Amino acid sequence: MVRLTATLLCVALFYLVTADVPWVEPGQGCVHGIGVYKVGETFNRECDDCTCQADGSVSCLKNKNCCLYAGSNSETLRAEIGDSFNDGCNQCTCTKSRKNRGPWECTRKMCSCRYKNWNSVVGYANSGDSVQVYDPKGDEMSSEYGCPKICTCKAKKRGKKEKVDCRNEFSRMVRLTAALLCVALFYLVTADQPWVEPGQGCVYDISAYEVGETFNRECDDCTCQPDGSVSCVKNKNCCLYAGSNSETQRAEIGDSFNDGCNQCTCTKSRKNRGPWACTRKMCSCRYKNWDNVVGYASSGDSVQVYDPKGDEMSSEYGCPKICTCKAKKRGKKEKVDCRNDPCIMF
């Protein structure tokens, strides 16, 4: 919540600069996806036939069967059942298929540079063509989720088969300038990025340390150096558990500690996160904090949780949240409930 204003301002500026959010005056047309349509204008939504209404709404006639393929500019095109069409490589006849994306009855010409566009529709590119591709591998900023890119049909090496190559392409390059401005404004307004003068200390993650100060990085012991760097002594074995404020705590091998519910003795474990030798008390409200470290909350406590289900804005990826230990119904076992809690924007 401390960053909410900055986040909203960031998003507003992002879309203002990129200027790709369509807009029409009330009664003058409709907005659907990223398209603008006049009143009475018809358009396709995959296999459905849609019409722009006078009140700005869009009405669609459902049509389950058609053939969707990518055109020469990577745009999604449609053929009706029985129609003949060229999919960019072969001559095809439109037949029923899974999700209307093929395979169909086509000639058997060998085709290079097969790809899927941003609607996950198959197309074929010619040598040197740049096409719209949804790359499931993403880039350094979105490696887990994939992203839309502009990629090129080319051979990795001379004499090799040509393919659509996305390895070194960044996602959404058309928005790069706005994104950089957005990030700069975000950190300027939130003003919580740590900063130290050269030679006065170190910055590590979101914390600042004085020269000579020591701190933990999971099981490693780290020290702030005079040149601003951080040196760490590797230590593979320790026990990591969440404290009363959800912060990650550390115990050394052989140490006795309370994990929030049971009394434990620290032993070697997978990724230093347990299980260990502990008493067997039954514990409610078990959770994993933002470092994926297990903790236990008391009734009514709000704790830091990484929710793999996320919220409406990040349902595929999960996100960090502040969640509460409570029972869904009176008399039921208490759990850390994140269902209606929003993600925390960093």
Protein backbone atom coordinates (compact mmCIF):
# COMPACT_ATOMS: atom_id res chain seq x y z
CA MET A 1 0.00 0.00 0.00
CA VAL A 2 2.88 2.41 0.63
CA ARG A 3 3.61 2.27 -3.11
CA LEU A 4 0.05 2.37 -4.43
CA THR A 5 0.04 6.03 -5.52
CA ALA A 6 3.36 5.66 -7.32
CA THR A 7 2.22 2.44 -8.99
CA LEU A 8 -0.99 4.03 -10.31
CA LEU A 9 0.91 7.06 -11.56
CA CYS A 10 3.43 4.76 -13.21
CA VAL A 11 0.73 2.80 -15.02
CA ALA A 12 -1.08 5.94 -16.12
CA LEU A 13 2.10 7.44 -17.57
CA PHE A 14 3.02 4.16 -19.20
CA TYR A 15 -0.18 4.05 -21.22
CA LEU A 16 -0.23 7.79 -21.86
CA VAL A 17 3.23 7.67 -23.44
CA THR A 18 2.65 4.47 -25.42
CA ALA A 19 -0.66 5.88 -26.62
CA ASP A 20 -2.06 2.53 -27.69
CA VAL A 21 -5.20 2.54 -25.57
CA PRO A 22 -8.13 3.19 -27.95
CA TRP A 23 -10.84 5.71 -27.07
CA VAL A 24 -14.13 6.81 -28.61
CA GLU A 25 -16.70 9.41 -27.51
CA PRO A 26 -19.87 7.86 -26.00
CA GLY A 27 -22.33 6.95 -28.75
CA GLN A 28 -19.70 7.27 -31.49
CA GLY A 29 -18.48 3.68 -31.57
CA CYS A 30 -17.08 0.75 -29.60
CA VAL A 31 -13.77 -0.36 -28.14
CA HIS A 32 -13.01 -4.08 -28.20
CA GLY A 33 -9.54 -5.37 -27.29
CA ILE A 34 -7.21 -2.83 -28.91
CA GLY A 35 -9.57 -2.09 -31.81
CA VAL A 36 -11.99 0.83 -32.33
CA TYR A 37 -15.15 0.28 -34.40
CA LYS A 38 -17.88 2.55 -35.71
CA VAL A 39 -21.53 1.98 -34.79
CA GLY A 40 -22.85 -0.82 -37.01
CA GLU A 41 -19.37 -1.99 -38.05
CA THR A 42 -18.81 -5.76 -38.00
CA PHE A 43 -15.62 -7.61 -37.11
CA ASN A 44 -14.42 -11.08 -36.16
CA ARG A 45 -13.53 -12.32 -32.70
CA GLU A 46 -11.92 -15.61 -33.63
CA CYS A 47 -14.88 -17.56 -35.12
CA ASP A 48 -17.58 -15.24 -33.74
CA ASP A 49 -19.23 -12.46 -35.82
CA CYS A 50 -19.48 -9.25 -33.78
CA THR A 51 -21.25 -5.91 -34.34
CA CYS A 52 -20.68 -2.54 -32.68
CA GLN A 53 -23.91 -1.28 -31.05
CA ALA A 54 -25.08 2.34 -30.67
CA ASP A 55 -24.68 2.20 -26.87
CA GLY A 56 -21.00 1.29 -27.19
CA SER A 57 -21.48 -2.41 -26.43
CA VAL A 58 -20.47 -5.26 -28.72
CA SER A 59 -22.86 -8.10 -29.59
CA CYS A 60 -21.47 -11.34 -31.02
CA LEU A 61 -22.97 -14.32 -32.82
CA LYS A 62 -21.33 -17.51 -31.59
CA ASN A 63 -19.74 -19.67 -34.27
CA LYS A 64 -17.77 -22.64 -32.99
CA ASN A 65 -16.21 -23.78 -36.25
CA CYS A 66 -13.84 -21.94 -38.59
CA CYS A 67 -10.14 -22.00 -39.49
CA LEU A 68 -7.77 -19.44 -37.98
CA TYR A 69 -4.36 -18.82 -39.58
CA ALA A 70 -1.76 -16.02 -39.65
CA GLY A 71 -1.56 -13.70 -42.65
CA SER A 72 1.52 -12.16 -44.24
CA ASN A 73 1.64 -9.43 -41.55
CA SER A 74 1.10 -11.92 -38.69
CA GLU A 75 -2.55 -10.82 -38.38
CA THR A 76 -5.11 -13.51 -37.56
CA LEU A 77 -7.25 -14.44 -40.60
CA ARG A 78 -10.35 -16.61 -40.81
CA ALA A 79 -11.72 -19.13 -43.29
CA GLU A 80 -15.15 -20.74 -43.10
CA ILE A 81 -15.76 -24.50 -43.15
CA GLY A 82 -15.30 -25.73 -46.72
CA ASP A 83 -13.37 -22.65 -47.87
CA SER A 84 -10.03 -22.99 -49.67
CA PHE A 85 -7.18 -20.84 -48.37
CA ASN A 86 -3.39 -20.57 -48.33
CA ASP A 87 -1.92 -20.78 -44.81
CA GLY A 88 1.30 -19.07 -45.92
CA CYS A 89 2.88 -22.28 -47.19
CA ASN A 90 0.28 -24.85 -48.28
CA GLN A 91 -3.13 -24.73 -49.98
CA CYS A 92 -5.74 -25.92 -47.49
CA THR A 93 -9.43 -26.71 -47.21
CA CYS A 94 -11.07 -25.57 -43.97
CA THR A 95 -12.33 -28.46 -41.82
CA LYS A 96 -13.26 -28.77 -38.14
CA SER A 97 -10.23 -28.86 -35.84
CA ARG A 98 -9.26 -28.47 -32.19
CA LYS A 99 -9.60 -24.82 -31.12
CA ASN A 100 -10.02 -23.97 -34.84
CA ARG A 101 -6.24 -23.93 -35.30
CA GLY A 102 -5.65 -27.06 -37.41
CA PRO A 103 -4.47 -29.40 -38.69
CA TRP A 104 -6.64 -29.20 -41.83
CA GLU A 105 -6.65 -30.87 -45.24
CA CYS A 106 -3.59 -29.29 -46.88
CA THR A 107 -0.98 -29.98 -49.51
CA ARG A 108 2.29 -31.45 -48.17
CA LYS A 109 4.86 -28.82 -49.12
CA MET A 110 7.75 -28.58 -46.62
CA CYS A 111 7.67 -25.19 -44.91
CA SER A 112 10.37 -23.38 -42.94
CA CYS A 113 9.87 -20.66 -40.32
CA ARG A 114 6.65 -21.96 -38.80
CA TYR A 115 5.56 -19.83 -35.82
CA LYS A 116 2.56 -18.90 -33.66
CA ASN A 117 1.41 -15.28 -33.58
CA TRP A 118 0.22 -13.32 -30.54
CA ASN A 119 -3.16 -15.14 -30.73
CA SER A 120 -1.43 -18.54 -30.75
CA VAL A 121 -2.40 -18.97 -34.43
CA VAL A 122 0.05 -20.72 -36.78
CA GLY A 123 1.70 -18.87 -39.65
CA TYR A 124 4.77 -19.16 -41.91
CA ALA A 125 7.42 -16.50 -42.56
CA ASN A 126 9.81 -16.01 -45.48
CA SER A 127 13.56 -15.61 -45.10
CA GLY A 128 14.38 -12.30 -43.41
CA ASP A 129 10.75 -11.54 -42.47
CA SER A 130 10.02 -10.13 -39.00
CA VAL A 131 6.81 -11.51 -37.53
CA GLN A 132 4.72 -11.24 -34.34
CA VAL A 133 5.48 -14.24 -32.14
CA TYR A 134 4.39 -15.28 -28.66
CA ASP A 135 7.62 -16.66 -27.19
CA PRO A 136 6.91 -19.05 -24.27
CA LYS A 137 10.51 -18.62 -23.04
CA GLY A 138 10.14 -14.85 -22.65
CA ASP A 139 13.25 -12.78 -21.92
CA GLU A 140 15.28 -11.76 -18.86
CA MET A 141 12.34 -9.75 -17.52
CA SER A 142 9.68 -12.43 -18.08
CA SER A 143 11.49 -15.77 -18.30
CA GLU A 144 8.83 -17.70 -16.37
CA TYR A 145 5.81 -16.42 -18.21
CA GLY A 146 6.65 -15.92 -21.89
CA CYS A 147 5.80 -12.74 -23.78
CA PRO A 148 4.91 -11.31 -27.21
CA LYS A 149 7.89 -10.39 -29.42
CA ILE A 150 8.88 -9.35 -32.93
CA CYS A 151 11.15 -12.14 -34.24
CA THR A 152 12.98 -12.86 -37.49
CA CYS A 153 13.04 -15.84 -39.87
CA LYS A 154 16.70 -16.80 -40.26
CA ALA A 155 19.21 -19.64 -40.00
CA LYS A 156 21.39 -19.94 -36.88
CA LYS A 157 24.32 -20.96 -39.09
CA ARG A 158 24.97 -20.80 -42.83
CA GLY A 159 23.54 -23.87 -44.54
CA LYS A 160 21.23 -24.73 -41.63
CA LYS A 161 17.42 -24.76 -41.80
CA GLU A 162 15.81 -21.35 -41.27
CA LYS A 163 13.65 -20.85 -38.18
CA VAL A 164 11.91 -17.96 -36.45
CA ASP A 165 14.59 -16.92 -33.94
CA CYS A 166 13.50 -15.09 -30.77
CA ARG A 167 16.52 -15.76 -28.55
CA ASN A 168 17.92 -12.23 -28.39
CA GLU A 169 14.70 -10.27 -28.87
CA PHE A 170 13.16 -8.25 -26.06
CA SER A 171 9.44 -8.23 -25.33
CA ARG A 172 7.28 -5.30 -26.38
CA MET A 173 10.13 -3.16 -27.76
CA VAL A 174 7.58 -0.56 -28.92
CA ARG A 175 7.04 0.30 -25.25
CA LEU A 176 10.67 0.35 -24.11
CA THR A 177 11.06 4.13 -23.75
CA ALA A 178 7.81 4.45 -21.79
CA ALA A 179 8.71 1.48 -19.59
CA LEU A 180 12.10 3.01 -18.67
CA LEU A 181 10.46 6.33 -17.86
CA CYS A 182 7.87 4.48 -15.81
CA VAL A 183 10.50 2.65 -13.75
CA ALA A 184 12.45 5.87 -13.14
CA LEU A 185 9.34 7.69 -11.93
CA PHE A 186 8.31 4.73 -9.78
CA TYR A 187 11.52 4.75 -7.76
CA LEU A 188 11.68 8.55 -7.66
CA VAL A 189 8.22 8.80 -6.09
CA THR A 190 8.49 5.83 -3.74
CA ALA A 191 11.95 6.94 -2.61
CA ASP A 192 12.64 3.68 -0.80
CA GLN A 193 15.54 2.47 -2.91
CA PRO A 194 18.53 2.52 -0.55
CA TRP A 195 21.47 4.74 -1.39
CA VAL A 196 24.92 5.22 0.14
CA GLU A 197 27.74 7.57 -0.83
CA PRO A 198 30.73 5.83 -2.48
CA GLY A 199 33.03 4.43 0.22
CA GLN A 200 30.40 4.90 2.94
CA GLY A 201 28.71 1.50 2.73
CA CYS A 202 27.00 -1.10 0.53
CA VAL A 203 23.59 -1.67 -0.97
CA TYR A 204 22.36 -5.25 -1.18
CA ASP A 205 18.83 -6.04 -2.45
CA ILE A 206 16.66 -3.43 -0.64
CA SER A 207 18.98 -2.82 2.34
CA ALA A 208 21.94 -0.52 3.02
CA TYR A 209 24.87 -1.56 5.20
CA GLU A 210 27.83 0.28 6.74
CA VAL A 211 31.41 -0.69 5.89
CA GLY A 212 32.37 -3.75 7.95
CA GLU A 213 28.76 -4.58 8.82
CA THR A 214 27.85 -8.28 8.55
CA PHE A 215 24.53 -9.81 7.53
CA ASN A 216 23.06 -13.12 6.39
CA ARG A 217 22.15 -14.16 2.88
CA GLU A 218 20.25 -17.35 3.65
CA CYS A 219 23.04 -19.58 5.04
CA ASP A 220 25.93 -17.40 3.81
CA ASP A 221 27.75 -14.86 6.04
CA CYS A 222 28.27 -11.58 4.18
CA THR A 223 30.33 -8.44 4.94
CA CYS A 224 30.13 -4.94 3.47
CA GLN A 225 33.51 -3.95 1.96
CA PRO A 226 35.03 -0.39 1.77
CA ASP A 227 34.71 -0.36 -2.04
CA GLY A 228 30.92 -0.91 -1.82
CA SER A 229 31.05 -4.57 -2.76
CA VAL A 230 29.70 -7.42 -0.63
CA SER A 231 31.81 -10.51 0.08
CA CYS A 232 30.13 -13.68 1.33
CA VAL A 233 31.45 -16.85 2.97
CA LYS A 234 29.54 -19.82 1.59
CA ASN A 235 27.77 -21.99 4.15
CA LYS A 236 25.60 -24.71 2.66
CA ASN A 237 23.92 -25.91 5.84
CA CYS A 238 21.68 -24.05 8.27
CA CYS A 239 17.97 -23.93 9.14
CA LEU A 240 15.76 -21.14 7.75
CA TYR A 241 12.39 -20.43 9.37
CA ALA A 242 9.97 -17.50 9.57
CA GLY A 243 9.91 -15.38 12.72
CA SER A 244 6.95 -13.71 14.42
CA ASN A 245 6.98 -10.85 11.89
CA SER A 246 7.37 -13.21 8.90
CA GLU A 247 11.06 -12.29 8.60
CA THR A 248 13.46 -15.09 7.65
CA GLN A 249 15.46 -16.31 10.66
CA ARG A 250 18.49 -18.63 10.75
CA ALA A 251 19.67 -21.36 13.09
CA GLU A 252 23.02 -23.15 12.85
CA ILE A 253 23.41 -26.94 12.70
CA GLY A 254 22.87 -28.34 16.22
CA ASP A 255 21.11 -25.20 17.51
CA SER A 256 17.75 -25.45 19.27
CA PHE A 257 15.03 -23.08 18.06
CA ASN A 258 11.26 -22.60 17.99
CA ASP A 259 9.81 -22.52 14.47
CA GLY A 260 6.68 -20.71 15.65
CA CYS A 261 4.93 -23.88 16.75
CA ASN A 262 7.38 -26.64 17.70
CA GLN A 263 10.75 -26.81 19.44
CA CYS A 264 13.32 -28.00 16.90
CA THR A 265 16.96 -29.00 16.60
CA CYS A 266 18.66 -27.77 13.45
CA THR A 267 19.76 -30.61 11.14
CA LYS A 268 20.70 -30.78 7.47
CA SER A 269 17.70 -30.57 5.12
CA ARG A 270 16.82 -29.94 1.48
CA LYS A 271 17.35 -26.26 0.62
CA ASN A 272 17.79 -25.63 4.40
CA ARG A 273 14.02 -25.38 4.84
CA GLY A 274 13.22 -28.57 6.79
CA PRO A 275 11.91 -30.92 7.92
CA TRP A 276 14.07 -31.02 11.06
CA ALA A 277 14.01 -32.90 14.37
CA CYS A 278 11.03 -31.22 16.09
CA THR A 279 8.35 -31.92 18.68
CA ARG A 280 5.03 -33.11 17.23
CA LYS A 281 2.60 -30.41 18.32
CA MET A 282 -0.25 -29.87 15.82
CA CYS A 283 0.00 -26.39 14.31
CA SER A 284 -2.57 -24.33 12.43
CA CYS A 285 -1.93 -21.49 10.00
CA ARG A 286 1.23 -22.88 8.41
CA TYR A 287 2.46 -20.62 5.56
CA LYS A 288 5.49 -19.77 3.44
CA ASN A 289 6.87 -16.22 3.55
CA TRP A 290 8.23 -14.16 0.65
CA ASP A 291 11.51 -16.15 0.78
CA ASN A 292 9.58 -19.44 0.56
CA VAL A 293 10.44 -20.17 4.19
CA VAL A 294 7.88 -21.91 6.44
CA GLY A 295 6.32 -20.13 9.41
CA TYR A 296 3.25 -20.38 11.65
CA ALA A 297 0.76 -17.63 12.48
CA SER A 298 -1.56 -17.18 15.44
CA SER A 299 -5.29 -16.55 15.12
CA GLY A 300 -5.93 -13.11 13.62
CA ASP A 301 -2.28 -12.49 12.70
CA SER A 302 -1.47 -10.92 9.33
CA VAL A 303 1.67 -12.37 7.76
CA GLN A 304 3.77 -12.03 4.60
CA VAL A 305 2.84 -14.84 2.19
CA TYR A 306 3.82 -15.71 -1.37
CA ASP A 307 0.52 -16.79 -2.91
CA PRO A 308 1.07 -19.01 -6.00
CA LYS A 309 -2.51 -18.27 -7.14
CA GLY A 310 -1.95 -14.50 -7.25
CA ASP A 311 -4.99 -12.28 -7.89
CA GLU A 312 -6.98 -11.11 -10.92
CA MET A 313 -3.98 -9.14 -12.22
CA SER A 314 -1.41 -11.92 -11.80
CA SER A 315 -3.33 -15.19 -11.67
CA GLU A 316 -0.76 -17.11 -13.75
CA TYR A 317 2.31 -16.14 -11.82
CA GLY A 318 1.50 -15.76 -8.15
CA CYS A 319 2.63 -12.79 -6.06
CA PRO A 320 3.54 -11.60 -2.54
CA LYS A 321 0.62 -10.70 -0.27
CA ILE A 322 -0.28 -9.85 3.32
CA CYS A 323 -2.71 -12.58 4.47
CA THR A 324 -4.58 -13.39 7.69
CA CYS A 325 -4.82 -16.49 9.86
CA LYS A 326 -8.52 -17.27 10.23
CA ALA A 327 -11.20 -19.93 9.80
CA LYS A 328 -13.39 -19.93 6.69
CA LYS A 329 -16.39 -20.90 8.85
CA ARG A 330 -17.00 -20.93 12.58
CA GLY A 331 -15.76 -24.18 14.10
CA LYS A 332 -13.48 -24.98 11.15
CA LYS A 333 -9.70 -25.24 11.31
CA GLU A 334 -7.89 -21.92 10.96
CA LYS A 335 -5.71 -21.34 7.88
CA VAL A 336 -3.82 -18.45 6.32
CA ASP A 337 -6.45 -17.16 3.89
CA CYS A 338 -5.25 -15.16 0.84
CA ARG A 339 -8.30 -15.53 -1.43
CA ASN A 340 -9.50 -11.93 -1.37
CA ASP A 341 -6.19 -10.19 -0.66
CA PRO A 342 -4.56 -8.17 -3.46
CA CYS A 343 -0.99 -8.59 -4.60
CA ILE A 344 1.59 -6.17 -3.23
CA MET A 345 3.16 -4.11 -5.99
CA PHE A 346 6.94 -3.61 -5.68
